[in-house]
Amino acid sequence: MSDEIHIESVRKQLFAKLIKEKVFWSYNMKDTTPSDISDEVLIALTYKYLDLQEIDLLKRVFSAKKLKDSWIKYLLPEGDYLYTLNRFLAWYCFDIKHPDSYLKAMTTRYHNKLINNA
């Protein structure tokens, strides 16, 4: 099985599981397909709503950089709301040795970027 076919298969599998979790409540599901959801969003939603088995599946088909970029872009800005999840992901997925310090630094960096761009 080629890498492209394998990635599409995993995307479809994750998409179906996210539908079961009713994650796409704001989408018109008659017109929405797995290809309508970007890799970044699919990764973030998988981290947020699915289990370790699916998180491990992400690691098999996406690069570590893509996984981390998606996490930083979509989940870290949630701050305290997703603190426990982000702390776990930092440790489990990204092998960050001091997740509390890392999360604080990244949150500060995110807020400084918002202030400087205002």
PDB file of N, CA and C in Angstrom:
ATOM      1  N   MET A   1       0.848  -1.181   0.000  1.00  0.00           N
ATOM      2  CA  MET A   1       0.000   0.000   0.000  1.00  0.00           C
ATOM      3  C   MET A   1       0.892   1.242   0.000  1.00  0.00           C
ATOM      4  N   SER A   2       0.654   2.140  -0.923  1.00  0.00           N
ATOM      5  CA  SER A   2       1.475   3.346  -0.991  1.00  0.00           C
ATOM      6  C   SER A   2       1.175   4.256   0.197  1.00  0.00           C
ATOM      7  N   ASP A   3       2.136   5.146   0.488  1.00  0.00           N
ATOM      8  CA  ASP A   3       1.968   6.055   1.617  1.00  0.00           C
ATOM      9  C   ASP A   3       0.733   6.929   1.452  1.00  0.00           C
ATOM     10  N   GLU A   4       0.492   7.404   0.232  1.00  0.00           N
ATOM     11  CA  GLU A   4      -0.645   8.286  -0.011  1.00  0.00           C
ATOM     12  C   GLU A   4      -1.975   7.571   0.257  1.00  0.00           C
ATOM     13  N   ILE A   5      -2.073   6.331  -0.174  1.00  0.00           N
ATOM     14  CA  ILE A   5      -3.286   5.545   0.060  1.00  0.00           C
ATOM     15  C   ILE A   5      -3.444   5.270   1.549  1.00  0.00           C
ATOM     16  N   HIS A   6      -2.345   4.973   2.222  1.00  0.00           N
ATOM     17  CA  HIS A   6      -2.390   4.700   3.657  1.00  0.00           C
ATOM     18  C   HIS A   6      -2.837   5.942   4.435  1.00  0.00           C
ATOM     19  N   ILE A   7      -2.321   7.094   4.077  1.00  0.00           N
ATOM     20  CA  ILE A   7      -2.709   8.336   4.744  1.00  0.00           C
ATOM     21  C   ILE A   7      -4.200   8.591   4.537  1.00  0.00           C
ATOM     22  N   GLU A   8      -4.690   8.404   3.328  1.00  0.00           N
ATOM     23  CA  GLU A   8      -6.123   8.611   3.050  1.00  0.00           C
ATOM     24  C   GLU A   8      -6.976   7.636   3.847  1.00  0.00           C
ATOM     25  N   SER A   9      -6.514   6.413   3.975  1.00  0.00           N
ATOM     26  CA  SER A   9      -7.239   5.409   4.749  1.00  0.00           C
ATOM     27  C   SER A   9      -7.323   5.831   6.225  1.00  0.00           C
ATOM     28  N   VAL A  10      -6.221   6.302   6.761  1.00  0.00           N
ATOM     29  CA  VAL A  10      -6.196   6.758   8.155  1.00  0.00           C
ATOM     30  C   VAL A  10      -7.076   7.993   8.315  1.00  0.00           C
ATOM     31  N   ARG A  11      -6.998   8.928   7.373  1.00  0.00           N
ATOM     32  CA  ARG A  11      -7.840  10.136   7.427  1.00  0.00           C
ATOM     33  C   ARG A  11      -9.326   9.748   7.463  1.00  0.00           C
ATOM     34  N   LYS A  12      -9.734   8.798   6.622  1.00  0.00           N
ATOM     35  CA  LYS A  12     -11.131   8.362   6.585  1.00  0.00           C
ATOM     36  C   LYS A  12     -11.533   7.706   7.905  1.00  0.00           C
ATOM     37  N   GLN A  13     -10.639   6.907   8.438  1.00  0.00           N
ATOM     38  CA  GLN A  13     -10.904   6.227   9.709  1.00  0.00           C
ATOM     39  C   GLN A  13     -11.083   7.249  10.836  1.00  0.00           C
ATOM     40  N   LEU A  14     -10.182   8.212  10.921  1.00  0.00           N
ATOM     41  CA  LEU A  14     -10.271   9.239  11.967  1.00  0.00           C
ATOM     42  C   LEU A  14     -11.506  10.109  11.774  1.00  0.00           C
ATOM     43  N   PHE A  15     -11.791  10.468  10.541  1.00  0.00           N
ATOM     44  CA  PHE A  15     -12.963  11.273  10.224  1.00  0.00           C
ATOM     45  C   PHE A  15     -14.238  10.564  10.700  1.00  0.00           C
ATOM     46  N   ALA A  16     -14.339   9.275  10.427  1.00  0.00           N
ATOM     47  CA  ALA A  16     -15.514   8.501  10.846  1.00  0.00           C
ATOM     48  C   ALA A  16     -15.647   8.482  12.366  1.00  0.00           C
ATOM     49  N   LYS A  17     -14.529   8.337  13.056  1.00  0.00           N
ATOM     50  CA  LYS A  17     -14.577   8.322  14.527  1.00  0.00           C
ATOM     51  C   LYS A  17     -14.957   9.694  15.081  1.00  0.00           C
ATOM     52  N   LEU A  18     -14.477  10.738  14.447  1.00  0.00           N
ATOM     53  CA  LEU A  18     -14.837  12.091  14.880  1.00  0.00           C
ATOM     54  C   LEU A  18     -16.318  12.366  14.621  1.00  0.00           C
ATOM     55  N   ILE A  19     -16.859  11.829  13.556  1.00  0.00           N
ATOM     56  CA  ILE A  19     -18.300  11.966  13.299  1.00  0.00           C
ATOM     57  C   ILE A  19     -19.092  11.281  14.406  1.00  0.00           C
ATOM     58  N   LYS A  20     -18.660  10.085  14.805  1.00  0.00           N
ATOM     59  CA  LYS A  20     -19.343   9.365  15.896  1.00  0.00           C
ATOM     60  C   LYS A  20     -19.320  10.168  17.193  1.00  0.00           C
ATOM     61  N   GLU A  21     -18.261  10.940  17.390  1.00  0.00           N
ATOM     62  CA  GLU A  21     -18.146  11.780  18.593  1.00  0.00           C
ATOM     63  C   GLU A  21     -18.921  13.092  18.445  1.00  0.00           C
ATOM     64  N   LYS A  22     -19.546  13.283  17.289  1.00  0.00           N
ATOM     65  CA  LYS A  22     -20.340  14.483  16.988  1.00  0.00           C
ATOM     66  C   LYS A  22     -19.516  15.766  17.040  1.00  0.00           C
ATOM     67  N   VAL A  23     -18.271  15.670  16.597  1.00  0.00           N
ATOM     68  CA  VAL A  23     -17.351  16.802  16.587  1.00  0.00           C
ATOM     69  C   VAL A  23     -17.734  17.816  15.513  1.00  0.00           C
ATOM     70  N   PHE A  24     -18.292  17.339  14.432  1.00  0.00           N
ATOM     71  CA  PHE A  24     -18.605  18.217  13.299  1.00  0.00           C
ATOM     72  C   PHE A  24     -20.046  18.713  13.351  1.00  0.00           C
ATOM     73  N   TRP A  25     -20.517  19.060  14.514  1.00  0.00           N
ATOM     74  CA  TRP A  25     -21.910  19.471  14.699  1.00  0.00           C
ATOM     75  C   TRP A  25     -22.270  20.705  13.862  1.00  0.00           C
ATOM     76  N   SER A  26     -21.289  21.546  13.545  1.00  0.00           N
ATOM     77  CA  SER A  26     -21.593  22.772  12.800  1.00  0.00           C
ATOM     78  C   SER A  26     -21.448  22.599  11.278  1.00  0.00           C
ATOM     79  N   TYR A  27     -21.074  21.418  10.843  1.00  0.00           N
ATOM     80  CA  TYR A  27     -20.873  21.152   9.415  1.00  0.00           C
ATOM     81  C   TYR A  27     -22.132  20.540   8.810  1.00  0.00           C
ATOM     82  N   ASN A  28     -22.335  20.782   7.538  1.00  0.00           N
ATOM     83  CA  ASN A  28     -23.362  20.079   6.781  1.00  0.00           C
ATOM     84  C   ASN A  28     -22.744  18.749   6.363  1.00  0.00           C
ATOM     85  N   MET A  29     -23.061  17.699   7.071  1.00  0.00           N
ATOM     86  CA  MET A  29     -22.379  16.426   6.858  1.00  0.00           C
ATOM     87  C   MET A  29     -22.764  15.751   5.547  1.00  0.00           C
ATOM     88  N   LYS A  30     -23.829  16.190   4.914  1.00  0.00           N
ATOM     89  CA  LYS A  30     -24.168  15.633   3.597  1.00  0.00           C
ATOM     90  C   LYS A  30     -23.131  16.047   2.557  1.00  0.00           C
ATOM     91  N   ASP A  31     -22.518  17.204   2.768  1.00  0.00           N
ATOM     92  CA  ASP A  31     -21.568  17.745   1.798  1.00  0.00           C
ATOM     93  C   ASP A  31     -20.119  17.705   2.276  1.00  0.00           C
ATOM     94  N   THR A  32     -19.860  17.195   3.463  1.00  0.00           N
ATOM     95  CA  THR A  32     -18.511  17.220   4.022  1.00  0.00           C
ATOM     96  C   THR A  32     -17.867  15.840   3.898  1.00  0.00           C
ATOM     97  N   THR A  33     -16.647  15.848   3.399  1.00  0.00           N
ATOM     98  CA  THR A  33     -15.879  14.611   3.239  1.00  0.00           C
ATOM     99  C   THR A  33     -14.555  14.758   3.996  1.00  0.00           C
ATOM    100  N   PRO A  34     -13.850  13.660   4.194  1.00  0.00           N
ATOM    101  CA  PRO A  34     -12.552  13.759   4.879  1.00  0.00           C
ATOM    102  C   PRO A  34     -11.588  14.743   4.207  1.00  0.00           C
ATOM    103  N   SER A  35     -11.660  14.852   2.898  1.00  0.00           N
ATOM    104  CA  SER A  35     -10.740  15.752   2.195  1.00  0.00           C
ATOM    105  C   SER A  35     -11.075  17.228   2.423  1.00  0.00           C
ATOM    106  N   ASP A  36     -12.258  17.513   2.965  1.00  0.00           N
ATOM    107  CA  ASP A  36     -12.633  18.900   3.284  1.00  0.00           C
ATOM    108  C   ASP A  36     -11.986  19.402   4.571  1.00  0.00           C
ATOM    109  N   ILE A  37     -11.449  18.486   5.359  1.00  0.00           N
ATOM    110  CA  ILE A  37     -10.831  18.817   6.642  1.00  0.00           C
ATOM    111  C   ILE A  37      -9.314  18.777   6.457  1.00  0.00           C
ATOM    112  N   SER A  38      -8.648  19.869   6.805  1.00  0.00           N
ATOM    113  CA  SER A  38      -7.191  19.912   6.640  1.00  0.00           C
ATOM    114  C   SER A  38      -6.512  18.924   7.588  1.00  0.00           C
ATOM    115  N   ASP A  39      -5.299  18.544   7.241  1.00  0.00           N
ATOM    116  CA  ASP A  39      -4.523  17.656   8.123  1.00  0.00           C
ATOM    117  C   ASP A  39      -4.380  18.276   9.504  1.00  0.00           C
ATOM    118  N   GLU A  40      -4.069  19.563   9.555  1.00  0.00           N
ATOM    119  CA  GLU A  40      -3.873  20.248  10.840  1.00  0.00           C
ATOM    120  C   GLU A  40      -5.109  20.143  11.727  1.00  0.00           C
ATOM    121  N   VAL A  41      -6.265  20.403  11.153  1.00  0.00           N
ATOM    122  CA  VAL A  41      -7.512  20.356  11.927  1.00  0.00           C
ATOM    123  C   VAL A  41      -7.823  18.919  12.327  1.00  0.00           C
ATOM    124  N   LEU A  42      -7.633  17.973  11.425  1.00  0.00           N
ATOM    125  CA  LEU A  42      -7.863  16.565  11.745  1.00  0.00           C
ATOM    126  C   LEU A  42      -6.971  16.118  12.906  1.00  0.00           C
ATOM    127  N   ILE A  43      -5.726  16.531  12.887  1.00  0.00           N
ATOM    128  CA  ILE A  43      -4.788  16.196  13.963  1.00  0.00           C
ATOM    129  C   ILE A  43      -5.257  16.801  15.277  1.00  0.00           C
ATOM    130  N   ALA A  44      -5.579  18.091  15.271  1.00  0.00           N
ATOM    131  CA  ALA A  44      -6.007  18.771  16.499  1.00  0.00           C
ATOM    132  C   ALA A  44      -7.274  18.141  17.065  1.00  0.00           C
ATOM    133  N   LEU A  45      -8.231  17.842  16.211  1.00  0.00           N
ATOM    134  CA  LEU A  45      -9.482  17.239  16.689  1.00  0.00           C
ATOM    135  C   LEU A  45      -9.250  15.824  17.220  1.00  0.00           C
ATOM    136  N   THR A  46      -8.336  15.105  16.598  1.00  0.00           N
ATOM    137  CA  THR A  46      -8.004  13.765  17.088  1.00  0.00           C
ATOM    138  C   THR A  46      -7.392  13.868  18.479  1.00  0.00           C
ATOM    139  N   TYR A  47      -6.444  14.783  18.659  1.00  0.00           N
ATOM    140  CA  TYR A  47      -5.856  14.982  19.987  1.00  0.00           C
ATOM    141  C   TYR A  47      -6.923  15.342  21.016  1.00  0.00           C
ATOM    142  N   LYS A  48      -7.831  16.179  20.616  1.00  0.00           N
ATOM    143  CA  LYS A  48      -8.809  16.725  21.560  1.00  0.00           C
ATOM    144  C   LYS A  48      -9.930  15.743  21.900  1.00  0.00           C
ATOM    145  N   TYR A  49     -10.383  14.941  20.938  1.00  0.00           N
ATOM    146  CA  TYR A  49     -11.593  14.156  21.147  1.00  0.00           C
ATOM    147  C   TYR A  49     -11.438  12.643  21.099  1.00  0.00           C
ATOM    148  N   LEU A  50     -10.322  12.146  20.575  1.00  0.00           N
ATOM    149  CA  LEU A  50     -10.200  10.697  20.446  1.00  0.00           C
ATOM    150  C   LEU A  50      -9.212  10.132  21.463  1.00  0.00           C
ATOM    151  N   ASP A  51      -8.956   8.849  21.376  1.00  0.00           N
ATOM    152  CA  ASP A  51      -8.171   8.142  22.384  1.00  0.00           C
ATOM    153  C   ASP A  51      -6.734   7.868  21.934  1.00  0.00           C
ATOM    154  N   LEU A  52      -5.982   7.244  22.832  1.00  0.00           N
ATOM    155  CA  LEU A  52      -4.565   6.965  22.577  1.00  0.00           C
ATOM    156  C   LEU A  52      -4.344   6.141  21.311  1.00  0.00           C
ATOM    157  N   GLN A  53      -5.215   5.216  21.035  1.00  0.00           N
ATOM    158  CA  GLN A  53      -5.067   4.378  19.841  1.00  0.00           C
ATOM    159  C   GLN A  53      -5.045   5.256  18.586  1.00  0.00           C
ATOM    160  N   GLU A  54      -5.933   6.238  18.519  1.00  0.00           N
ATOM    161  CA  GLU A  54      -5.987   7.120  17.361  1.00  0.00           C
ATOM    162  C   GLU A  54      -4.818   8.110  17.356  1.00  0.00           C
ATOM    163  N   ILE A  55      -4.406   8.560  18.534  1.00  0.00           N
ATOM    164  CA  ILE A  55      -3.238   9.443  18.630  1.00  0.00           C
ATOM    165  C   ILE A  55      -1.999   8.712  18.128  1.00  0.00           C
ATOM    166  N   ASP A  56      -1.864   7.465  18.506  1.00  0.00           N
ATOM    167  CA  ASP A  56      -0.730   6.668  18.022  1.00  0.00           C
ATOM    168  C   ASP A  56      -0.804   6.459  16.512  1.00  0.00           C
ATOM    169  N   LEU A  57      -2.002   6.363  15.989  1.00  0.00           N
ATOM    170  CA  LEU A  57      -2.185   6.227  14.547  1.00  0.00           C
ATOM    171  C   LEU A  57      -1.686   7.473  13.817  1.00  0.00           C
ATOM    172  N   LEU A  58      -1.914   8.637  14.397  1.00  0.00           N
ATOM    173  CA  LEU A  58      -1.409   9.883  13.805  1.00  0.00           C
ATOM    174  C   LEU A  58       0.100   9.824  13.623  1.00  0.00           C
ATOM    175  N   LYS A  59       0.788   9.288  14.620  1.00  0.00           N
ATOM    176  CA  LYS A  59       2.248   9.222  14.587  1.00  0.00           C
ATOM    177  C   LYS A  59       2.766   8.367  13.434  1.00  0.00           C
ATOM    178  N   ARG A  60       1.950   7.444  12.972  1.00  0.00           N
ATOM    179  CA  ARG A  60       2.372   6.550  11.894  1.00  0.00           C
ATOM    180  C   ARG A  60       2.277   7.192  10.515  1.00  0.00           C
ATOM    181  N   VAL A  61       1.413   8.201  10.378  1.00  0.00           N
ATOM    182  CA  VAL A  61       1.190   8.739   9.030  1.00  0.00           C
ATOM    183  C   VAL A  61       1.603  10.199   8.848  1.00  0.00           C
ATOM    184  N   PHE A  62       1.768  10.931   9.926  1.00  0.00           N
ATOM    185  CA  PHE A  62       2.154  12.334   9.807  1.00  0.00           C
ATOM    186  C   PHE A  62       3.518  12.554  10.444  1.00  0.00           C
ATOM    187  N   SER A  63       4.239  13.529   9.926  1.00  0.00           N
ATOM    188  CA  SER A  63       5.563  13.836  10.477  1.00  0.00           C
ATOM    189  C   SER A  63       5.429  14.428  11.879  1.00  0.00           C
ATOM    190  N   ALA A  64       6.480  14.270  12.653  1.00  0.00           N
ATOM    191  CA  ALA A  64       6.495  14.832  14.005  1.00  0.00           C
ATOM    192  C   ALA A  64       6.316  16.348  13.955  1.00  0.00           C
ATOM    193  N   LYS A  65       6.911  16.984  12.955  1.00  0.00           N
ATOM    194  CA  LYS A  65       6.789  18.434  12.817  1.00  0.00           C
ATOM    195  C   LYS A  65       5.350  18.843  12.559  1.00  0.00           C
ATOM    196  N   LYS A  66       4.675  18.138  11.672  1.00  0.00           N
ATOM    197  CA  LYS A  66       3.280  18.460  11.352  1.00  0.00           C
ATOM    198  C   LYS A  66       2.388  18.269  12.584  1.00  0.00           C
ATOM    199  N   LEU A  67       2.634  17.205  13.331  1.00  0.00           N
ATOM    200  CA  LEU A  67       1.855  16.939  14.545  1.00  0.00           C
ATOM    201  C   LEU A  67       2.059  18.048  15.574  1.00  0.00           C
ATOM    202  N   LYS A  68       3.306  18.416  15.777  1.00  0.00           N
ATOM    203  CA  LYS A  68       3.607  19.443  16.782  1.00  0.00           C
ATOM    204  C   LYS A  68       3.090  20.811  16.345  1.00  0.00           C
ATOM    205  N   ASP A  69       3.250  21.137  15.074  1.00  0.00           N
ATOM    206  CA  ASP A  69       2.751  22.428  14.571  1.00  0.00           C
ATOM    207  C   ASP A  69       1.243  22.551  14.757  1.00  0.00           C
ATOM    208  N   SER A  70       0.528  21.483  14.486  1.00  0.00           N
ATOM    209  CA  SER A  70      -0.930  21.489  14.660  1.00  0.00           C
ATOM    210  C   SER A  70      -1.298  21.667  16.127  1.00  0.00           C
ATOM    211  N   TRP A  71      -0.612  20.953  16.990  1.00  0.00           N
ATOM    212  CA  TRP A  71      -0.845  21.062  18.433  1.00  0.00           C
ATOM    213  C   TRP A  71      -0.614  22.497  18.906  1.00  0.00           C
ATOM    214  N   ILE A  72       0.501  23.079  18.494  1.00  0.00           N
ATOM    215  CA  ILE A  72       0.838  24.442  18.913  1.00  0.00           C
ATOM    216  C   ILE A  72      -0.174  25.452  18.367  1.00  0.00           C
ATOM    217  N   LYS A  73      -0.593  25.265  17.140  1.00  0.00           N
ATOM    218  CA  LYS A  73      -1.502  26.221  16.511  1.00  0.00           C
ATOM    219  C   LYS A  73      -2.930  26.154  17.066  1.00  0.00           C
ATOM    220  N   TYR A  74      -3.425  24.944  17.314  1.00  0.00           N
ATOM    221  CA  TYR A  74      -4.828  24.788  17.660  1.00  0.00           C
ATOM    222  C   TYR A  74      -5.125  24.501  19.128  1.00  0.00           C
ATOM    223  N   LEU A  75      -4.253  23.811  19.817  1.00  0.00           N
ATOM    224  CA  LEU A  75      -4.580  23.406  21.181  1.00  0.00           C
ATOM    225  C   LEU A  75      -3.878  24.225  22.259  1.00  0.00           C
ATOM    226  N   LEU A  76      -2.626  24.577  22.048  1.00  0.00           N
ATOM    227  CA  LEU A  76      -1.928  25.365  23.063  1.00  0.00           C
ATOM    228  C   LEU A  76      -2.596  26.709  23.364  1.00  0.00           C
ATOM    229  N   PRO A  77      -3.128  27.406  22.364  1.00  0.00           N
ATOM    230  CA  PRO A  77      -3.780  28.686  22.669  1.00  0.00           C
ATOM    231  C   PRO A  77      -5.015  28.558  23.572  1.00  0.00           C
ATOM    232  N   GLU A  78      -5.518  27.352  23.756  1.00  0.00           N
ATOM    233  CA  GLU A  78      -6.684  27.152  24.628  1.00  0.00           C
ATOM    234  C   GLU A  78      -6.335  27.347  26.107  1.00  0.00           C
ATOM    235  N   GLY A  79      -5.042  27.405  26.420  1.00  0.00           N
ATOM    236  CA  GLY A  79      -4.593  27.718  27.779  1.00  0.00           C
ATOM    237  C   GLY A  79      -5.142  26.794  28.852  1.00  0.00           C
ATOM    238  N   ASP A  80      -5.707  27.392  29.901  1.00  0.00           N
ATOM    239  CA  ASP A  80      -6.184  26.630  31.050  1.00  0.00           C
ATOM    240  C   ASP A  80      -7.293  25.644  30.691  1.00  0.00           C
ATOM    241  N   TYR A  81      -8.077  25.972  29.688  1.00  0.00           N
ATOM    242  CA  TYR A  81      -9.182  25.102  29.292  1.00  0.00           C
ATOM    243  C   TYR A  81      -8.693  23.699  28.921  1.00  0.00           C
ATOM    244  N   LEU A  82      -7.569  23.630  28.229  1.00  0.00           N
ATOM    245  CA  LEU A  82      -7.006  22.333  27.819  1.00  0.00           C
ATOM    246  C   LEU A  82      -5.665  22.042  28.498  1.00  0.00           C
ATOM    247  N   TYR A  83      -5.434  22.640  29.643  1.00  0.00           N
ATOM    248  CA  TYR A  83      -4.130  22.519  30.285  1.00  0.00           C
ATOM    249  C   TYR A  83      -3.730  21.056  30.523  1.00  0.00           C
ATOM    250  N   THR A  84      -4.629  20.282  31.095  1.00  0.00           N
ATOM    251  CA  THR A  84      -4.298  18.888  31.409  1.00  0.00           C
ATOM    252  C   THR A  84      -4.015  18.096  30.140  1.00  0.00           C
ATOM    253  N   LEU A  85      -4.838  18.284  29.119  1.00  0.00           N
ATOM    254  CA  LEU A  85      -4.602  17.602  27.847  1.00  0.00           C
ATOM    255  C   LEU A  85      -3.270  18.038  27.244  1.00  0.00           C
ATOM    256  N   ASN A  86      -3.008  19.332  27.230  1.00  0.00           N
ATOM    257  CA  ASN A  86      -1.759  19.822  26.656  1.00  0.00           C
ATOM    258  C   ASN A  86      -0.546  19.316  27.427  1.00  0.00           C
ATOM    259  N   ARG A  87      -0.672  19.245  28.708  1.00  0.00           N
ATOM    260  CA  ARG A  87       0.422  18.725  29.539  1.00  0.00           C
ATOM    261  C   ARG A  87       0.699  17.259  29.182  1.00  0.00           C
ATOM    262  N   PHE A  88      -0.367  16.481  29.038  1.00  0.00           N
ATOM    263  CA  PHE A  88      -0.224  15.085  28.656  1.00  0.00           C
ATOM    264  C   PHE A  88       0.389  14.955  27.262  1.00  0.00           C
ATOM    265  N   LEU A  89      -0.119  15.713  26.304  1.00  0.00           N
ATOM    266  CA  LEU A  89       0.399  15.638  24.940  1.00  0.00           C
ATOM    267  C   LEU A  89       1.869  16.032  24.874  1.00  0.00           C
ATOM    268  N   ALA A  90       2.246  17.049  25.633  1.00  0.00           N
ATOM    269  CA  ALA A  90       3.649  17.476  25.664  1.00  0.00           C
ATOM    270  C   ALA A  90       4.538  16.306  26.090  1.00  0.00           C
ATOM    271  N   TRP A  91       4.108  15.606  27.102  1.00  0.00           N
ATOM    272  CA  TRP A  91       4.880  14.480  27.611  1.00  0.00           C
ATOM    273  C   TRP A  91       4.790  13.267  26.680  1.00  0.00           C
ATOM    274  N   TYR A  92       3.578  12.856  26.336  1.00  0.00           N
ATOM    275  CA  TYR A  92       3.355  11.606  25.606  1.00  0.00           C
ATOM    276  C   TYR A  92       3.764  11.683  24.134  1.00  0.00           C
ATOM    277  N   CYS A  93       3.381  12.746  23.483  1.00  0.00           N
ATOM    278  CA  CYS A  93       3.598  12.830  22.029  1.00  0.00           C
ATOM    279  C   CYS A  93       4.915  13.490  21.646  1.00  0.00           C
ATOM    280  N   PHE A  94       5.356  14.431  22.458  1.00  0.00           N
ATOM    281  CA  PHE A  94       6.495  15.243  22.033  1.00  0.00           C
ATOM    282  C   PHE A  94       7.707  15.108  22.946  1.00  0.00           C
ATOM    283  N   ASP A  95       7.628  14.214  23.919  1.00  0.00           N
ATOM    284  CA  ASP A  95       8.758  13.884  24.778  1.00  0.00           C
ATOM    285  C   ASP A  95       9.367  15.128  25.425  1.00  0.00           C
ATOM    286  N   ILE A  96       8.514  16.058  25.819  1.00  0.00           N
ATOM    287  CA  ILE A  96       8.969  17.288  26.478  1.00  0.00           C
ATOM    288  C   ILE A  96       9.180  16.964  27.955  1.00  0.00           C
ATOM    289  N   LYS A  97      10.403  17.175  28.424  1.00  0.00           N
ATOM    290  CA  LYS A  97      10.792  16.743  29.768  1.00  0.00           C
ATOM    291  C   LYS A  97      10.146  17.558  30.889  1.00  0.00           C
ATOM    292  N   HIS A  98       9.903  18.839  30.651  1.00  0.00           N
ATOM    293  CA  HIS A  98       9.298  19.711  31.661  1.00  0.00           C
ATOM    294  C   HIS A  98       8.067  20.378  31.066  1.00  0.00           C
ATOM    295  N   PRO A  99       6.961  19.621  30.972  1.00  0.00           N
ATOM    296  CA  PRO A  99       5.790  20.141  30.267  1.00  0.00           C
ATOM    297  C   PRO A  99       5.207  21.423  30.866  1.00  0.00           C
ATOM    298  N   ASP A 100       5.231  21.559  32.179  1.00  0.00           N
ATOM    299  CA  ASP A 100       4.669  22.771  32.790  1.00  0.00           C
ATOM    300  C   ASP A 100       5.417  24.021  32.343  1.00  0.00           C
ATOM    301  N   SER A 101       6.723  23.963  32.387  1.00  0.00           N
ATOM    302  CA  SER A 101       7.544  25.101  31.956  1.00  0.00           C
ATOM    303  C   SER A 101       7.347  25.372  30.467  1.00  0.00           C
ATOM    304  N   TYR A 102       7.286  24.315  29.691  1.00  0.00           N
ATOM    305  CA  TYR A 102       7.116  24.459  28.253  1.00  0.00           C
ATOM    306  C   TYR A 102       5.773  25.116  27.933  1.00  0.00           C
ATOM    307  N   LEU A 103       4.711  24.641  28.559  1.00  0.00           N
ATOM    308  CA  LEU A 103       3.383  25.205  28.310  1.00  0.00           C
ATOM    309  C   LEU A 103       3.323  26.676  28.702  1.00  0.00           C
ATOM    310  N   LYS A 104       3.927  27.014  29.819  1.00  0.00           N
ATOM    311  CA  LYS A 104       3.942  28.415  30.258  1.00  0.00           C
ATOM    312  C   LYS A 104       4.690  29.282  29.244  1.00  0.00           C
ATOM    313  N   ALA A 105       5.841  28.810  28.799  1.00  0.00           N
ATOM    314  CA  ALA A 105       6.633  29.568  27.829  1.00  0.00           C
ATOM    315  C   ALA A 105       5.892  29.727  26.505  1.00  0.00           C
ATOM    316  N   MET A 106       5.276  28.666  26.029  1.00  0.00           N
ATOM    317  CA  MET A 106       4.559  28.730  24.760  1.00  0.00           C
ATOM    318  C   MET A 106       3.313  29.611  24.853  1.00  0.00           C
ATOM    319  N   THR A 107       2.637  29.568  25.985  1.00  0.00           N
ATOM    320  CA  THR A 107       1.464  30.430  26.183  1.00  0.00           C
ATOM    321  C   THR A 107       1.887  31.891  26.215  1.00  0.00           C
ATOM    322  N   THR A 108       2.978  32.186  26.899  1.00  0.00           N
ATOM    323  CA  THR A 108       3.502  33.552  26.940  1.00  0.00           C
ATOM    324  C   THR A 108       3.890  34.013  25.542  1.00  0.00           C
ATOM    325  N   ARG A 109       4.556  33.160  24.795  1.00  0.00           N
ATOM    326  CA  ARG A 109       4.960  33.496  23.424  1.00  0.00           C
ATOM    327  C   ARG A 109       3.725  33.784  22.563  1.00  0.00           C
ATOM    328  N   TYR A 110       2.698  32.959  22.708  1.00  0.00           N
ATOM    329  CA  TYR A 110       1.462  33.148  21.940  1.00  0.00           C
ATOM    330  C   TYR A 110       0.802  34.493  22.290  1.00  0.00           C
ATOM    331  N   HIS A 111       0.712  34.796  23.585  1.00  0.00           N
ATOM    332  CA  HIS A 111       0.083  36.065  23.996  1.00  0.00           C
ATOM    333  C   HIS A 111       0.925  37.272  23.555  1.00  0.00           C
ATOM    334  N   ASN A 112       2.219  37.156  23.624  1.00  0.00           N
ATOM    335  CA  ASN A 112       3.091  38.262  23.170  1.00  0.00           C
ATOM    336  C   ASN A 112       2.911  38.491  21.673  1.00  0.00           C
ATOM    337  N   LYS A 113       2.768  37.419  20.916  1.00  0.00           N
ATOM    338  CA  LYS A 113       2.561  37.560  19.478  1.00  0.00           C
ATOM    339  C   LYS A 113       1.245  38.275  19.193  1.00  0.00           C
ATOM    340  N   LEU A 114       0.208  37.947  19.959  1.00  0.00           N
ATOM    341  CA  LEU A 114      -1.088  38.613  19.803  1.00  0.00           C
ATOM    342  C   LEU A 114      -0.977  40.107  20.117  1.00  0.00           C
ATOM    343  N   ILE A 115      -0.277  40.434  21.179  1.00  0.00           N
ATOM    344  CA  ILE A 115      -0.117  41.836  21.592  1.00  0.00           C
ATOM    345  C   ILE A 115       0.678  42.606  20.562  1.00  0.00           C
ATOM    346  N   ASN A 116       1.758  42.017  20.074  1.00  0.00           N
ATOM    347  CA  ASN A 116       2.613  42.704  19.111  1.00  0.00           C
ATOM    348  C   ASN A 116       1.962  42.880  17.742  1.00  0.00           C
ATOM    349  N   ASN A 117       1.013  42.011  17.417  1.00  0.00           N
ATOM    350  CA  ASN A 117       0.321  42.098  16.135  1.00  0.00           C
ATOM    351  C   ASN A 117      -0.941  42.948  16.196  1.00  0.00           C
ATOM    352  N   ALA A 118      -1.272  43.409  17.378  1.00  0.00           N
ATOM    353  CA  ALA A 118      -2.502  44.222  17.536  1.00  0.00           C
ATOM    354  C   ALA A 118      -2.298  45.633  17.091  1.00  0.00           C
TER     355      ALA A 118
END
